[in-house]
Amino acid sequence: MQPRVLLAMKGDRSRRTHGNRILDADKVRSMLGVGRNTLYLWCAQGLIPHKRVGGKIDETTGELHGGRILFSEKRILEWIENRDNDN
């Protein structure tokens, strides 16, 4: 039974941290039904809760470039609920 569990976990692109799953951009795009460019635009505009991990800081602007964008499943679900309540 253990090998099946490992295979299922290997395909899962989320990670659990203190009871809260950490999601990558592909998982969130799938949840929201939006394209890659839309999700990255929302992140750049600060419209969706996310964290950028890694990358490099531009010394002239202080902006972070590159790296990975990660999302808290709990915060994304709250964000969706708040957006639904606004409309």
PDB file of N, CA and C in Angstrom:
ATOM      1  N   MET A   1       0.819  -1.194   0.000  1.00  0.00           N
ATOM      2  CA  MET A   1       0.000   0.000   0.000  1.00  0.00           C
ATOM      3  C   MET A   1       0.863   1.259   0.000  1.00  0.00           C
ATOM      4  N   GLN A   2       1.967   1.228   0.620  1.00  0.00           N
ATOM      5  CA  GLN A   2       2.826   2.401   0.679  1.00  0.00           C
ATOM      6  C   GLN A   2       3.255   2.917  -0.689  1.00  0.00           C
ATOM      7  N   PRO A   3       3.625   2.077  -1.653  1.00  0.00           N
ATOM      8  CA  PRO A   3       4.032   2.618  -2.959  1.00  0.00           C
ATOM      9  C   PRO A   3       2.958   3.469  -3.611  1.00  0.00           C
ATOM     10  N   ARG A   4       1.675   3.084  -3.486  1.00  0.00           N
ATOM     11  CA  ARG A   4       0.598   3.878  -4.073  1.00  0.00           C
ATOM     12  C   ARG A   4       0.538   5.269  -3.455  1.00  0.00           C
ATOM     13  N   VAL A   5       0.719   5.334  -2.146  1.00  0.00           N
ATOM     14  CA  VAL A   5       0.700   6.617  -1.454  1.00  0.00           C
ATOM     15  C   VAL A   5       1.828   7.494  -1.968  1.00  0.00           C
ATOM     16  N   LEU A   6       3.011   6.920  -2.120  1.00  0.00           N
ATOM     17  CA  LEU A   6       4.147   7.687  -2.613  1.00  0.00           C
ATOM     18  C   LEU A   6       3.902   8.188  -4.028  1.00  0.00           C
ATOM     19  N   LEU A   7       3.307   7.355  -4.875  1.00  0.00           N
ATOM     20  CA  LEU A   7       3.011   7.784  -6.242  1.00  0.00           C
ATOM     21  C   LEU A   7       1.997   8.919  -6.250  1.00  0.00           C
ATOM     22  N   ALA A   8       0.988   8.816  -5.413  1.00  0.00           N
ATOM     23  CA  ALA A   8      -0.016   9.880  -5.351  1.00  0.00           C
ATOM     24  C   ALA A   8       0.612  11.187  -4.873  1.00  0.00           C
ATOM     25  N   MET A   9       1.489  11.095  -3.889  1.00  0.00           N
ATOM     26  CA  MET A   9       2.132  12.294  -3.380  1.00  0.00           C
ATOM     27  C   MET A   9       3.076  12.894  -4.412  1.00  0.00           C
ATOM     28  N   LYS A  10       3.721  12.046  -5.179  1.00  0.00           N
ATOM     29  CA  LYS A  10       4.659  12.536  -6.183  1.00  0.00           C
ATOM     30  C   LYS A  10       3.937  13.391  -7.226  1.00  0.00           C
ATOM     31  N   GLY A  11       2.726  13.022  -7.597  1.00  0.00           N
ATOM     32  CA  GLY A  11       1.959  13.770  -8.589  1.00  0.00           C
ATOM     33  C   GLY A  11       1.294  15.013  -8.035  1.00  0.00           C
ATOM     34  N   ASP A  12       1.174  15.105  -6.715  1.00  0.00           N
ATOM     35  CA  ASP A  12       0.530  16.250  -6.083  1.00  0.00           C
ATOM     36  C   ASP A  12       1.515  17.406  -6.033  1.00  0.00           C
ATOM     37  N   ARG A  13       1.156  18.544  -6.623  1.00  0.00           N
ATOM     38  CA  ARG A  13       2.071  19.679  -6.707  1.00  0.00           C
ATOM     39  C   ARG A  13       1.854  20.661  -5.569  1.00  0.00           C
ATOM     40  N   SER A  14       1.275  20.204  -4.485  1.00  0.00           N
ATOM     41  CA  SER A  14       1.089  21.068  -3.326  1.00  0.00           C
ATOM     42  C   SER A  14       1.848  20.476  -2.144  1.00  0.00           C
ATOM     43  N   ARG A  15       2.102  21.290  -1.162  1.00  0.00           N
ATOM     44  CA  ARG A  15       2.795  20.866   0.046  1.00  0.00           C
ATOM     45  C   ARG A  15       1.976  21.334   1.240  1.00  0.00           C
ATOM     46  N   ARG A  16       1.980  20.545   2.309  1.00  0.00           N
ATOM     47  CA  ARG A  16       1.225  20.899   3.505  1.00  0.00           C
ATOM     48  C   ARG A  16       2.174  21.484   4.543  1.00  0.00           C
ATOM     49  N   THR A  17       1.817  22.657   5.074  1.00  0.00           N
ATOM     50  CA  THR A  17       2.604  23.307   6.101  1.00  0.00           C
ATOM     51  C   THR A  17       1.667  23.724   7.228  1.00  0.00           C
ATOM     52  N   HIS A  18       1.820  23.148   8.398  1.00  0.00           N
ATOM     53  CA  HIS A  18       0.996  23.474   9.568  1.00  0.00           C
ATOM     54  C   HIS A  18      -0.495  23.420   9.226  1.00  0.00           C
ATOM     55  N   GLY A  19      -0.928  22.376   8.533  1.00  0.00           N
ATOM     56  CA  GLY A  19      -2.336  22.210   8.200  1.00  0.00           C
ATOM     57  C   GLY A  19      -2.814  23.048   7.034  1.00  0.00           C
ATOM     58  N   ASN A  20      -1.924  23.764   6.389  1.00  0.00           N
ATOM     59  CA  ASN A  20      -2.289  24.624   5.266  1.00  0.00           C
ATOM     60  C   ASN A  20      -1.457  24.210   4.055  1.00  0.00           C
ATOM     61  N   ARG A  21      -2.111  23.861   2.974  1.00  0.00           N
ATOM     62  CA  ARG A  21      -1.359  23.449   1.791  1.00  0.00           C
ATOM     63  C   ARG A  21      -0.750  24.657   1.093  1.00  0.00           C
ATOM     64  N   ILE A  22       0.467  24.466   0.621  1.00  0.00           N
ATOM     65  CA  ILE A  22       1.146  25.472  -0.182  1.00  0.00           C
ATOM     66  C   ILE A  22       1.004  25.043  -1.633  1.00  0.00           C
ATOM     67  N   LEU A  23       0.473  25.918  -2.463  1.00  0.00           N
ATOM     68  CA  LEU A  23       0.172  25.604  -3.858  1.00  0.00           C
ATOM     69  C   LEU A  23       1.110  26.345  -4.792  1.00  0.00           C
ATOM     70  N   ASP A  24       1.415  25.717  -5.924  1.00  0.00           N
ATOM     71  CA  ASP A  24       2.205  26.409  -6.944  1.00  0.00           C
ATOM     72  C   ASP A  24       1.259  27.098  -7.927  1.00  0.00           C
ATOM     73  N   ALA A  25       1.816  27.856  -8.833  1.00  0.00           N
ATOM     74  CA  ALA A  25       1.013  28.653  -9.771  1.00  0.00           C
ATOM     75  C   ALA A  25       0.119  27.778 -10.654  1.00  0.00           C
ATOM     76  N   ASP A  26       0.612  26.628 -11.091  1.00  0.00           N
ATOM     77  CA  ASP A  26      -0.199  25.759 -11.949  1.00  0.00           C
ATOM     78  C   ASP A  26      -1.457  25.275 -11.230  1.00  0.00           C
ATOM     79  N   LYS A  27      -1.324  24.926  -9.959  1.00  0.00           N
ATOM     80  CA  LYS A  27      -2.472  24.457  -9.181  1.00  0.00           C
ATOM     81  C   LYS A  27      -3.489  25.586  -9.007  1.00  0.00           C
ATOM     82  N   VAL A  28      -3.022  26.787  -8.723  1.00  0.00           N
ATOM     83  CA  VAL A  28      -3.929  27.923  -8.524  1.00  0.00           C
ATOM     84  C   VAL A  28      -4.602  28.303  -9.843  1.00  0.00           C
ATOM     85  N   ARG A  29      -3.852  28.282 -10.939  1.00  0.00           N
ATOM     86  CA  ARG A  29      -4.452  28.571 -12.255  1.00  0.00           C
ATOM     87  C   ARG A  29      -5.593  27.606 -12.530  1.00  0.00           C
ATOM     88  N   SER A  30      -5.369  26.337 -12.212  1.00  0.00           N
ATOM     89  CA  SER A  30      -6.386  25.319 -12.422  1.00  0.00           C
ATOM     90  C   SER A  30      -7.613  25.573 -11.542  1.00  0.00           C
ATOM     91  N   MET A  31      -7.381  25.931 -10.284  1.00  0.00           N
ATOM     92  CA  MET A  31      -8.489  26.220  -9.364  1.00  0.00           C
ATOM     93  C   MET A  31      -9.336  27.387  -9.857  1.00  0.00           C
ATOM     94  N   LEU A  32      -8.663  28.413 -10.379  1.00  0.00           N
ATOM     95  CA  LEU A  32      -9.353  29.643 -10.771  1.00  0.00           C
ATOM     96  C   LEU A  32      -9.837  29.639 -12.213  1.00  0.00           C
ATOM     97  N   GLY A  33      -9.287  28.734 -13.016  1.00  0.00           N
ATOM     98  CA  GLY A  33      -9.670  28.694 -14.422  1.00  0.00           C
ATOM     99  C   GLY A  33      -9.157  29.886 -15.207  1.00  0.00           C
ATOM    100  N   VAL A  34      -7.958  30.348 -14.865  1.00  0.00           N
ATOM    101  CA  VAL A  34      -7.362  31.484 -15.570  1.00  0.00           C
ATOM    102  C   VAL A  34      -6.049  31.058 -16.219  1.00  0.00           C
ATOM    103  N   GLY A  35      -5.596  31.850 -17.159  1.00  0.00           N
ATOM    104  CA  GLY A  35      -4.348  31.570 -17.847  1.00  0.00           C
ATOM    105  C   GLY A  35      -3.140  32.001 -17.027  1.00  0.00           C
ATOM    106  N   ARG A  36      -2.004  31.542 -17.456  1.00  0.00           N
ATOM    107  CA  ARG A  36      -0.741  31.838 -16.777  1.00  0.00           C
ATOM    108  C   ARG A  36      -0.482  33.350 -16.713  1.00  0.00           C
ATOM    109  N   ASN A  37      -0.636  34.020 -17.846  1.00  0.00           N
ATOM    110  CA  ASN A  37      -0.375  35.465 -17.883  1.00  0.00           C
ATOM    111  C   ASN A  37      -1.298  36.238 -16.945  1.00  0.00           C
ATOM    112  N   THR A  38      -2.558  35.824 -16.880  1.00  0.00           N
ATOM    113  CA  THR A  38      -3.515  36.494 -15.994  1.00  0.00           C
ATOM    114  C   THR A  38      -3.094  36.347 -14.537  1.00  0.00           C
ATOM    115  N   LEU A  39      -2.745  35.125 -14.143  1.00  0.00           N
ATOM    116  CA  LEU A  39      -2.338  34.905 -12.759  1.00  0.00           C
ATOM    117  C   LEU A  39      -1.090  35.714 -12.418  1.00  0.00           C
ATOM    118  N   TYR A  40      -0.105  35.712 -13.300  1.00  0.00           N
ATOM    119  CA  TYR A  40       1.123  36.463 -13.039  1.00  0.00           C
ATOM    120  C   TYR A  40       0.859  37.970 -13.016  1.00  0.00           C
ATOM    121  N   LEU A  41      -0.065  38.442 -13.841  1.00  0.00           N
ATOM    122  CA  LEU A  41      -0.436  39.860 -13.818  1.00  0.00           C
ATOM    123  C   LEU A  41      -1.086  40.216 -12.495  1.00  0.00           C
ATOM    124  N   TRP A  42      -2.006  39.360 -12.014  1.00  0.00           N
ATOM    125  CA  TRP A  42      -2.650  39.595 -10.729  1.00  0.00           C
ATOM    126  C   TRP A  42      -1.613  39.647  -9.608  1.00  0.00           C
ATOM    127  N   CYS A  43      -0.611  38.757  -9.677  1.00  0.00           N
ATOM    128  CA  CYS A  43       0.455  38.766  -8.666  1.00  0.00           C
ATOM    129  C   CYS A  43       1.248  40.069  -8.741  1.00  0.00           C
ATOM    130  N   ALA A  44       1.624  40.464  -9.938  1.00  0.00           N
ATOM    131  CA  ALA A  44       2.415  41.692 -10.118  1.00  0.00           C
ATOM    132  C   ALA A  44       1.653  42.920  -9.630  1.00  0.00           C
ATOM    133  N   GLN A  45       0.331  42.904  -9.786  1.00  0.00           N
ATOM    134  CA  GLN A  45      -0.494  44.033  -9.365  1.00  0.00           C
ATOM    135  C   GLN A  45      -0.909  43.940  -7.900  1.00  0.00           C
ATOM    136  N   GLY A  46      -0.530  42.845  -7.233  1.00  0.00           N
ATOM    137  CA  GLY A  46      -0.881  42.663  -5.823  1.00  0.00           C
ATOM    138  C   GLY A  46      -2.351  42.360  -5.605  1.00  0.00           C
ATOM    139  N   LEU A  47      -3.020  41.814  -6.621  1.00  0.00           N
ATOM    140  CA  LEU A  47      -4.456  41.540  -6.519  1.00  0.00           C
ATOM    141  C   LEU A  47      -4.776  40.209  -5.865  1.00  0.00           C
ATOM    142  N   ILE A  48      -3.806  39.298  -5.809  1.00  0.00           N
ATOM    143  CA  ILE A  48      -4.034  37.964  -5.264  1.00  0.00           C
ATOM    144  C   ILE A  48      -2.935  37.661  -4.241  1.00  0.00           C
ATOM    145  N   PRO A  49      -3.297  37.070  -3.105  1.00  0.00           N
ATOM    146  CA  PRO A  49      -2.281  36.804  -2.072  1.00  0.00           C
ATOM    147  C   PRO A  49      -1.286  35.740  -2.536  1.00  0.00           C
ATOM    148  N   HIS A  50      -0.009  36.047  -2.417  1.00  0.00           N
ATOM    149  CA  HIS A  50       1.041  35.121  -2.858  1.00  0.00           C
ATOM    150  C   HIS A  50       2.356  35.482  -2.183  1.00  0.00           C
ATOM    151  N   LYS A  51       3.323  34.595  -2.310  1.00  0.00           N
ATOM    152  CA  LYS A  51       4.688  34.853  -1.850  1.00  0.00           C
ATOM    153  C   LYS A  51       5.630  34.477  -2.984  1.00  0.00           C
ATOM    154  N   ARG A  52       6.632  35.284  -3.184  1.00  0.00           N
ATOM    155  CA  ARG A  52       7.662  34.986  -4.179  1.00  0.00           C
ATOM    156  C   ARG A  52       8.874  34.455  -3.423  1.00  0.00           C
ATOM    157  N   VAL A  53       9.389  33.322  -3.868  1.00  0.00           N
ATOM    158  CA  VAL A  53      10.495  32.659  -3.198  1.00  0.00           C
ATOM    159  C   VAL A  53      11.670  32.566  -4.162  1.00  0.00           C
ATOM    160  N   GLY A  54      12.848  32.928  -3.683  1.00  0.00           N
ATOM    161  CA  GLY A  54      14.033  32.879  -4.536  1.00  0.00           C
ATOM    162  C   GLY A  54      14.090  34.100  -5.432  1.00  0.00           C
ATOM    163  N   GLY A  55      14.804  33.985  -6.512  1.00  0.00           N
ATOM    164  CA  GLY A  55      14.923  35.100  -7.441  1.00  0.00           C
ATOM    165  C   GLY A  55      16.042  36.043  -7.037  1.00  0.00           C
ATOM    166  N   LYS A  56      16.103  37.159  -7.737  1.00  0.00           N
ATOM    167  CA  LYS A  56      17.149  38.155  -7.489  1.00  0.00           C
ATOM    168  C   LYS A  56      16.523  39.534  -7.341  1.00  0.00           C
ATOM    169  N   ILE A  57      17.142  40.346  -6.498  1.00  0.00           N
ATOM    170  CA  ILE A  57      16.667  41.714  -6.285  1.00  0.00           C
ATOM    171  C   ILE A  57      17.410  42.647  -7.235  1.00  0.00           C
ATOM    172  N   ASP A  58      16.644  43.433  -7.979  1.00  0.00           N
ATOM    173  CA  ASP A  58      17.219  44.448  -8.855  1.00  0.00           C
ATOM    174  C   ASP A  58      17.748  45.577  -7.971  1.00  0.00           C
ATOM    175  N   GLU A  59      19.040  45.808  -8.019  1.00  0.00           N
ATOM    176  CA  GLU A  59      19.656  46.793  -7.123  1.00  0.00           C
ATOM    177  C   GLU A  59      19.199  48.218  -7.405  1.00  0.00           C
ATOM    178  N   THR A  60      18.766  48.506  -8.616  1.00  0.00           N
ATOM    179  CA  THR A  60      18.336  49.869  -8.930  1.00  0.00           C
ATOM    180  C   THR A  60      16.903  50.143  -8.491  1.00  0.00           C
ATOM    181  N   THR A  61      16.026  49.140  -8.594  1.00  0.00           N
ATOM    182  CA  THR A  61      14.616  49.354  -8.252  1.00  0.00           C
ATOM    183  C   THR A  61      14.209  48.709  -6.936  1.00  0.00           C
ATOM    184  N   GLY A  62      14.986  47.729  -6.467  1.00  0.00           N
ATOM    185  CA  GLY A  62      14.629  46.996  -5.259  1.00  0.00           C
ATOM    186  C   GLY A  62      13.565  45.938  -5.487  1.00  0.00           C
ATOM    187  N   GLU A  63      13.172  45.723  -6.753  1.00  0.00           N
ATOM    188  CA  GLU A  63      12.146  44.740  -7.071  1.00  0.00           C
ATOM    189  C   GLU A  63      12.754  43.347  -7.158  1.00  0.00           C
ATOM    190  N   LEU A  64      11.934  42.348  -6.793  1.00  0.00           N
ATOM    191  CA  LEU A  64      12.355  40.959  -6.869  1.00  0.00           C
ATOM    192  C   LEU A  64      11.947  40.380  -8.221  1.00  0.00           C
ATOM    193  N   HIS A  65      12.879  39.752  -8.902  1.00  0.00           N
ATOM    194  CA  HIS A  65      12.611  39.150 -10.217  1.00  0.00           C
ATOM    195  C   HIS A  65      12.976  37.673 -10.191  1.00  0.00           C
ATOM    196  N   GLY A  66      12.199  36.889 -10.920  1.00  0.00           N
ATOM    197  CA  GLY A  66      12.480  35.460 -11.006  1.00  0.00           C
ATOM    198  C   GLY A  66      11.983  34.732  -9.772  1.00  0.00           C
ATOM    199  N   GLY A  67      12.471  33.530  -9.572  1.00  0.00           N
ATOM    200  CA  GLY A  67      12.044  32.734  -8.433  1.00  0.00           C
ATOM    201  C   GLY A  67      10.710  32.062  -8.699  1.00  0.00           C
ATOM    202  N   ARG A  68      10.118  31.520  -7.643  1.00  0.00           N
ATOM    203  CA  ARG A  68       8.827  30.831  -7.739  1.00  0.00           C
ATOM    204  C   ARG A  68       7.770  31.632  -7.006  1.00  0.00           C
ATOM    205  N   ILE A  69       6.546  31.522  -7.482  1.00  0.00           N
ATOM    206  CA  ILE A  69       5.418  32.137  -6.806  1.00  0.00           C
ATOM    207  C   ILE A  69       4.641  31.013  -6.139  1.00  0.00           C
ATOM    208  N   LEU A  70       4.418  31.152  -4.834  1.00  0.00           N
ATOM    209  CA  LEU A  70       3.685  30.149  -4.072  1.00  0.00           C
ATOM    210  C   LEU A  70       2.471  30.790  -3.414  1.00  0.00           C
ATOM    211  N   PHE A  71       1.474  29.959  -3.139  1.00  0.00           N
ATOM    212  CA  PHE A  71       0.201  30.423  -2.619  1.00  0.00           C
ATOM    213  C   PHE A  71      -0.231  29.564  -1.447  1.00  0.00           C
ATOM    214  N   SER A  72      -0.869  30.180  -0.472  1.00  0.00           N
ATOM    215  CA  SER A  72      -1.490  29.465   0.635  1.00  0.00           C
ATOM    216  C   SER A  72      -2.898  29.077   0.195  1.00  0.00           C
ATOM    217  N   GLU A  73      -3.212  27.787   0.270  1.00  0.00           N
ATOM    218  CA  GLU A  73      -4.550  27.350  -0.135  1.00  0.00           C
ATOM    219  C   GLU A  73      -5.617  28.063   0.693  1.00  0.00           C
ATOM    220  N   LYS A  74      -5.382  28.202   1.987  1.00  0.00           N
ATOM    221  CA  LYS A  74      -6.343  28.867   2.872  1.00  0.00           C
ATOM    222  C   LYS A  74      -6.588  30.305   2.418  1.00  0.00           C
ATOM    223  N   ARG A  75      -5.526  31.029   2.127  1.00  0.00           N
ATOM    224  CA  ARG A  75      -5.666  32.438   1.709  1.00  0.00           C
ATOM    225  C   ARG A  75      -6.326  32.554   0.340  1.00  0.00           C
ATOM    226  N   ILE A  76      -6.037  31.618  -0.569  1.00  0.00           N
ATOM    227  CA  ILE A  76      -6.671  31.647  -1.896  1.00  0.00           C
ATOM    228  C   ILE A  76      -8.172  31.399  -1.758  1.00  0.00           C
ATOM    229  N   LEU A  77      -8.549  30.421  -0.936  1.00  0.00           N
ATOM    230  CA  LEU A  77      -9.978  30.135  -0.746  1.00  0.00           C
ATOM    231  C   LEU A  77     -10.692  31.333  -0.105  1.00  0.00           C
ATOM    232  N   GLU A  78     -10.048  32.003   0.850  1.00  0.00           N
ATOM    233  CA  GLU A  78     -10.620  33.210   1.446  1.00  0.00           C
ATOM    234  C   GLU A  78     -10.742  34.313   0.405  1.00  0.00           C
ATOM    235  N   TRP A  79      -9.727  34.452  -0.442  1.00  0.00           N
ATOM    236  CA  TRP A  79      -9.727  35.467  -1.492  1.00  0.00           C
ATOM    237  C   TRP A  79     -10.888  35.232  -2.460  1.00  0.00           C
ATOM    238  N   ILE A  80     -11.088  33.963  -2.837  1.00  0.00           N
ATOM    239  CA  ILE A  80     -12.195  33.618  -3.743  1.00  0.00           C
ATOM    240  C   ILE A  80     -13.528  33.971  -3.085  1.00  0.00           C
ATOM    241  N   GLU A  81     -13.682  33.600  -1.812  1.00  0.00           N
ATOM    242  CA  GLU A  81     -14.931  33.877  -1.102  1.00  0.00           C
ATOM    243  C   GLU A  81     -15.200  35.374  -1.021  1.00  0.00           C
ATOM    244  N   ASN A  82     -14.179  36.156  -0.739  1.00  0.00           N
ATOM    245  CA  ASN A  82     -14.350  37.613  -0.654  1.00  0.00           C
ATOM    246  C   ASN A  82     -14.713  38.209  -2.007  1.00  0.00           C
ATOM    247  N   ARG A  83     -14.106  37.699  -3.077  1.00  0.00           N
ATOM    248  CA  ARG A  83     -14.438  38.190  -4.421  1.00  0.00           C
ATOM    249  C   ARG A  83     -15.879  37.862  -4.765  1.00  0.00           C
ATOM    250  N   ASP A  84     -16.333  36.645  -4.399  1.00  0.00           N
ATOM    251  CA  ASP A  84     -17.718  36.251  -4.661  1.00  0.00           C
ATOM    252  C   ASP A  84     -18.704  37.130  -3.900  1.00  0.00           C
ATOM    253  N   ASN A  85     -18.341  37.511  -2.679  1.00  0.00           N
ATOM    254  CA  ASN A  85     -19.222  38.356  -1.867  1.00  0.00           C
ATOM    255  C   ASN A  85     -19.288  39.783  -2.391  1.00  0.00           C
ATOM    256  N   ASP A  86     -18.217  40.238  -3.059  1.00  0.00           N
ATOM    257  CA  ASP A  86     -18.192  41.599  -3.614  1.00  0.00           C
ATOM    258  C   ASP A  86     -19.069  41.722  -4.841  1.00  0.00           C
ATOM    259  N   ASN A  87     -19.305  40.632  -5.543  1.00  0.00           N
ATOM    260  CA  ASN A  87     -20.091  40.691  -6.803  1.00  0.00           C
ATOM    261  C   ASN A  87     -21.543  40.383  -6.579  1.00  0.00           C
TER     262      ASN A  87
END
